[in-house]
Amino acid sequence: MAQKKFSKKTKLVAATAGLVLIGGGAAFAYWSTTGAGTGAETNADSNGTVTLVANFTAGLTPAGTRAVTYTASNPGTSSLYVGTLKNVVTTSDIGCLPADFTIPDVVSNTTVAAGAVDAPLTGTGTLTFKDTAINQDACKSATITLTVTSN
């Protein structure tokens, strides 16, 4: 049998067609898959707390009152909110009864800026020293302390 001679052009066309067929088949050889994923980060659980200070003048006497103002310091990196101020009275003398002093809760609703130091808060309280029928001499020169908390 006689061998047929192919021209360079025919060889080139045949080689190109072969590559296209091989390459075309390879184009369909892939893995299919599905996927899912998540990404997450955790915010700070808290940016700290503010330091609250109650301020009132000395010299309270039975049946007397004192205006109480409040300040807050926020060493954190974001602003913090102070809602209602609650006060607990303690005294330096065991005979001076904390129950003889009253101060209602004070609504402040103040945002304290990050880095604030002794920032005045909205809202003023009134500390009252009750005039009772019991001797209150133990309260003379006693230190009255207000411990302030906020929600």
Protein backbone atom coordinates (compact mmCIF):
# COMPACT_ATOMS: atom_id res chain seq x y z
CA MET A 1 0.00 0.00 0.00
CA ALA A 2 1.27 3.31 -0.98
CA GLN A 3 1.70 5.90 1.60
CA LYS A 4 -0.17 9.09 0.92
CA LYS A 5 1.86 12.21 1.24
CA PHE A 6 0.33 15.07 3.18
CA SER A 7 1.30 18.65 2.64
CA LYS A 8 2.54 20.84 5.43
CA LYS A 9 -0.76 22.71 5.36
CA THR A 10 -2.76 19.51 5.80
CA LYS A 11 -0.49 18.37 8.64
CA LEU A 12 -0.92 21.76 10.33
CA VAL A 13 -4.73 21.62 10.01
CA ALA A 14 -4.79 18.05 11.36
CA ALA A 15 -2.52 18.92 14.29
CA THR A 16 -4.62 21.97 15.14
CA ALA A 17 -7.82 19.94 14.97
CA GLY A 18 -6.29 17.32 17.25
CA LEU A 19 -5.23 19.93 19.78
CA VAL A 20 -8.67 21.51 19.69
CA LEU A 21 -10.29 18.12 20.33
CA ILE A 22 -7.90 17.32 23.16
CA GLY A 23 -8.13 20.84 24.60
CA GLY A 24 -11.88 20.92 24.19
CA GLY A 25 -12.17 17.66 26.10
CA ALA A 26 -9.95 19.05 28.82
CA ALA A 27 -12.15 22.09 29.11
CA PHE A 28 -14.94 19.84 30.32
CA ALA A 29 -12.81 17.94 32.82
CA TYR A 30 -13.47 19.75 36.10
CA TRP A 31 -14.79 19.09 39.53
CA SER A 32 -18.09 20.56 40.52
CA THR A 33 -18.73 21.36 44.13
CA THR A 34 -20.81 23.41 46.46
CA GLY A 35 -19.59 25.55 49.31
CA ALA A 36 -20.59 27.53 52.29
CA GLY A 37 -18.77 29.52 54.91
CA THR A 38 -18.99 32.17 57.52
CA GLY A 39 -16.82 34.94 58.85
CA ALA A 40 -17.09 36.31 62.32
CA GLU A 41 -15.41 38.62 64.78
CA THR A 42 -16.21 39.46 68.34
CA ASN A 43 -16.94 42.98 69.51
CA ALA A 44 -15.74 44.13 72.87
CA ASP A 45 -17.94 42.71 75.61
CA SER A 46 -17.84 46.08 77.29
CA ASN A 47 -15.97 49.28 76.89
CA GLY A 48 -15.57 49.55 80.61
CA THR A 49 -17.51 51.57 83.09
CA VAL A 50 -17.78 55.18 84.03
CA THR A 51 -16.68 56.48 87.40
CA LEU A 52 -19.57 58.37 89.01
CA VAL A 53 -19.13 61.04 91.67
CA ALA A 54 -21.85 62.70 93.79
CA ASN A 55 -21.11 66.24 94.96
CA PHE A 56 -22.89 68.16 97.74
CA THR A 57 -21.92 70.78 100.28
CA ALA A 58 -21.10 70.00 103.90
CA GLY A 59 -23.06 71.11 106.96
CA LEU A 60 -26.31 69.18 106.57
CA THR A 61 -28.56 69.39 109.66
CA PRO A 62 -31.80 67.60 110.64
CA ALA A 63 -34.68 68.73 108.38
CA GLY A 64 -32.10 70.16 105.97
CA THR A 65 -31.51 69.38 102.30
CA ARG A 66 -28.58 69.59 99.92
CA ALA A 67 -28.59 69.69 96.15
CA VAL A 68 -26.52 66.83 94.75
CA THR A 69 -24.79 67.17 91.39
CA TYR A 70 -23.04 64.37 89.56
CA THR A 71 -19.98 63.98 87.36
CA ALA A 72 -18.65 61.04 85.37
CA SER A 73 -15.28 60.03 84.00
CA ASN A 74 -15.00 57.63 81.06
CA PRO A 75 -11.50 56.30 80.38
CA GLY A 76 -12.82 54.08 77.55
CA THR A 77 -12.50 54.48 73.79
CA SER A 78 -16.20 54.91 73.05
CA SER A 79 -19.00 56.90 74.60
CA LEU A 80 -21.06 55.33 77.38
CA TYR A 81 -24.62 56.02 78.48
CA VAL A 82 -25.67 56.89 82.03
CA GLY A 83 -29.39 56.32 82.62
CA THR A 84 -30.88 56.54 86.10
CA LEU A 85 -28.61 57.32 89.06
CA LYS A 86 -29.29 55.33 92.24
CA ASN A 87 -27.77 56.46 95.53
CA VAL A 88 -27.01 54.45 98.65
CA VAL A 89 -26.27 56.41 101.84
CA THR A 90 -23.66 55.27 104.35
CA THR A 91 -22.30 57.14 107.37
CA SER A 92 -19.01 57.16 109.25
CA ASP A 93 -20.68 56.74 112.67
CA ILE A 94 -22.63 53.60 113.54
CA GLY A 95 -25.11 55.68 115.58
CA CYS A 96 -25.85 57.95 112.60
CA LEU A 97 -28.46 55.94 110.76
CA PRO A 98 -28.37 55.87 106.94
CA ALA A 99 -32.17 55.50 107.08
CA ASP A 100 -32.30 59.09 108.38
CA PHE A 101 -31.19 60.28 104.94
CA THR A 102 -33.16 60.05 101.73
CA ILE A 103 -32.34 60.76 98.12
CA PRO A 104 -34.61 59.68 95.28
CA ASP A 105 -33.27 58.19 92.06
CA VAL A 106 -32.17 60.80 89.54
CA VAL A 107 -32.88 60.41 85.83
CA SER A 108 -29.79 61.56 83.94
CA ASN A 109 -29.91 59.99 80.46
CA THR A 110 -26.51 61.42 79.62
CA THR A 111 -23.98 60.17 77.07
CA VAL A 112 -20.46 60.44 78.48
CA ALA A 113 -17.87 60.94 75.74
CA ALA A 114 -14.84 58.68 75.45
CA GLY A 115 -11.96 60.02 77.51
CA ALA A 116 -14.17 62.42 79.49
CA VAL A 117 -12.95 63.43 82.95
CA ASP A 118 -15.39 64.82 85.55
CA ALA A 119 -18.02 65.51 82.89
CA PRO A 120 -21.16 67.02 84.44
CA LEU A 121 -24.24 64.81 84.20
CA THR A 122 -27.78 65.95 83.56
CA GLY A 123 -30.02 65.75 86.62
CA THR A 124 -29.74 67.00 90.17
CA GLY A 125 -30.68 65.06 93.27
CA THR A 126 -31.86 66.27 96.66
CA LEU A 127 -30.35 64.73 99.79
CA THR A 128 -32.62 65.13 102.81
CA PHE A 129 -31.66 64.63 106.47
CA LYS A 130 -34.89 63.60 108.23
CA ASP A 131 -35.75 65.30 111.51
CA THR A 132 -36.86 62.34 113.60
CA ALA A 133 -38.07 62.11 117.20
CA ILE A 134 -34.91 60.15 118.07
CA ASN A 135 -31.69 61.87 119.18
CA GLN A 136 -29.46 62.35 116.13
CA ASP A 137 -26.35 63.62 117.92
CA ALA A 138 -24.34 60.73 116.45
CA CYS A 139 -24.65 62.46 113.08
CA LYS A 140 -22.80 65.57 114.30
CA SER A 141 -19.55 65.74 112.29
CA ALA A 142 -20.28 62.35 110.71
CA THR A 143 -19.22 61.82 107.11
CA ILE A 144 -22.15 61.09 104.82
CA THR A 145 -21.20 59.09 101.73
CA LEU A 146 -23.33 58.55 98.64
CA THR A 147 -22.44 55.48 96.61
CA VAL A 148 -23.80 56.05 93.11
CA THR A 149 -24.67 53.43 90.51
CA SER A 150 -26.33 53.66 87.13
CA ASN A 151 -28.20 51.32 84.85
